[in-house]
Amino acid sequence: MCNMPKKKTEDAEPGAWMLRDVPRDLMERMKIAAAVQRTTVKALLFQLAENHLAEMEKKGQFPKSRS
């Protein structure tokens, strides 16, 4: 048997990132931006990341997602 890792699927358990050395000013600005949009910092970060990746895909700088 081969001990290859299983392919990731959409239903895969989410991962976790822990970031260090985030500038306090950026943290405060993100909190304010999230509050203005009546969302969480987590949701705002996901939205920003998805928008950025979509823009990179549009420009051909990143492979298109399969979704």
C-alpha atoms as a PDB file:
ATOM      1  CA  MET A   1       0.000   0.000   0.000  1.00  0.00           C
ATOM      2  CA  CYS A   2       1.093   3.521  -0.693  1.00  0.00           C
ATOM      3  CA  ASN A   3       1.095   6.030   2.165  1.00  0.00           C
ATOM      4  CA  MET A   4       0.284   9.020  -0.030  1.00  0.00           C
ATOM      5  CA  PRO A   5      -1.769  11.770   1.597  1.00  0.00           C
ATOM      6  CA  LYS A   6      -5.422  11.881   0.604  1.00  0.00           C
ATOM      7  CA  LYS A   7      -6.503  14.552  -1.869  1.00  0.00           C
ATOM      8  CA  LYS A   8      -8.104  17.607  -0.325  1.00  0.00           C
ATOM      9  CA  THR A   9     -11.769  18.178  -1.073  1.00  0.00           C
ATOM     10  CA  GLU A  10     -14.170  21.016  -0.441  1.00  0.00           C
ATOM     11  CA  ASP A  11     -15.502  19.069   2.540  1.00  0.00           C
ATOM     12  CA  ALA A  12     -12.045  18.784   4.106  1.00  0.00           C
ATOM     13  CA  GLU A  13     -11.599  20.026   7.640  1.00  0.00           C
ATOM     14  CA  PRO A  14     -10.547  23.681   7.644  1.00  0.00           C
ATOM     15  CA  GLY A  15      -6.979  24.560   8.507  1.00  0.00           C
ATOM     16  CA  ALA A  16      -5.653  27.113  10.957  1.00  0.00           C
ATOM     17  CA  TRP A  17      -3.146  29.919  10.576  1.00  0.00           C
ATOM     18  CA  MET A  18      -1.574  31.807  13.437  1.00  0.00           C
ATOM     19  CA  LEU A  19       0.161  35.022  12.450  1.00  0.00           C
ATOM     20  CA  ARG A  20       2.886  36.773  14.399  1.00  0.00           C
ATOM     21  CA  ASP A  21       4.331  40.250  14.142  1.00  0.00           C
ATOM     22  CA  VAL A  22       1.134  41.836  12.826  1.00  0.00           C
ATOM     23  CA  PRO A  23       1.534  45.607  13.222  1.00  0.00           C
ATOM     24  CA  ARG A  24      -0.829  46.955  15.898  1.00  0.00           C
ATOM     25  CA  ASP A  25      -1.899  49.784  13.608  1.00  0.00           C
ATOM     26  CA  LEU A  26      -2.982  47.266  10.956  1.00  0.00           C
ATOM     27  CA  MET A  27      -4.874  45.229  13.564  1.00  0.00           C
ATOM     28  CA  GLU A  28      -6.774  48.305  14.745  1.00  0.00           C
ATOM     29  CA  ARG A  29      -7.573  49.422  11.198  1.00  0.00           C
ATOM     30  CA  MET A  30      -8.861  45.941  10.324  1.00  0.00           C
ATOM     31  CA  LYS A  31     -11.081  45.931  13.425  1.00  0.00           C
ATOM     32  CA  ILE A  32     -12.505  49.319  12.452  1.00  0.00           C
ATOM     33  CA  ALA A  33     -13.037  48.257   8.820  1.00  0.00           C
ATOM     34  CA  ALA A  34     -14.839  45.104   9.972  1.00  0.00           C
ATOM     35  CA  ALA A  35     -17.031  47.088  12.353  1.00  0.00           C
ATOM     36  CA  VAL A  36     -17.945  49.589   9.630  1.00  0.00           C
ATOM     37  CA  GLN A  37     -19.000  46.684   7.388  1.00  0.00           C
ATOM     38  CA  ARG A  38     -20.775  44.990  10.328  1.00  0.00           C
ATOM     39  CA  THR A  39     -18.735  41.820   9.948  1.00  0.00           C
ATOM     40  CA  THR A  40     -15.902  40.045  11.719  1.00  0.00           C
ATOM     41  CA  VAL A  41     -12.194  40.531  11.097  1.00  0.00           C
ATOM     42  CA  LYS A  42     -12.074  36.866  10.040  1.00  0.00           C
ATOM     43  CA  ALA A  43     -14.849  37.346   7.459  1.00  0.00           C
ATOM     44  CA  LEU A  44     -13.203  40.550   6.206  1.00  0.00           C
ATOM     45  CA  LEU A  45      -9.845  38.783   5.774  1.00  0.00           C
ATOM     46  CA  PHE A  46     -11.508  35.923   3.857  1.00  0.00           C
ATOM     47  CA  GLN A  47     -13.333  38.411   1.628  1.00  0.00           C
ATOM     48  CA  LEU A  48     -10.149  40.382   0.931  1.00  0.00           C
ATOM     49  CA  ALA A  49      -8.180  37.209   0.159  1.00  0.00           C
ATOM     50  CA  GLU A  50     -10.863  35.845  -2.191  1.00  0.00           C
ATOM     51  CA  ASN A  51     -11.140  39.186  -4.002  1.00  0.00           C
ATOM     52  CA  HIS A  52      -7.360  39.431  -4.376  1.00  0.00           C
ATOM     53  CA  LEU A  53      -7.063  35.875  -5.724  1.00  0.00           C
ATOM     54  CA  ALA A  54      -9.947  36.463  -8.152  1.00  0.00           C
ATOM     55  CA  GLU A  55      -8.195  39.598  -9.433  1.00  0.00           C
ATOM     56  CA  MET A  56      -4.926  37.657  -9.877  1.00  0.00           C
ATOM     57  CA  GLU A  57      -6.830  34.926 -11.782  1.00  0.00           C
ATOM     58  CA  LYS A  58      -8.404  37.559 -14.031  1.00  0.00           C
ATOM     59  CA  LYS A  59      -4.937  38.947 -14.856  1.00  0.00           C
ATOM     60  CA  GLY A  60      -3.555  35.447 -15.501  1.00  0.00           C
ATOM     61  CA  GLN A  61      -1.135  35.687 -12.578  1.00  0.00           C
ATOM     62  CA  PHE A  62      -2.689  32.771 -10.682  1.00  0.00           C
ATOM     63  CA  PRO A  63      -4.275  29.523 -11.915  1.00  0.00           C
ATOM     64  CA  LYS A  64      -8.064  29.563 -11.986  1.00  0.00           C
ATOM     65  CA  SER A  65      -9.753  27.757  -9.115  1.00  0.00           C
ATOM     66  CA  ARG A  66     -11.744  24.627  -9.858  1.00  0.00           C
ATOM     67  CA  SER A  67     -14.881  25.817  -8.065  1.00  0.00           C
END
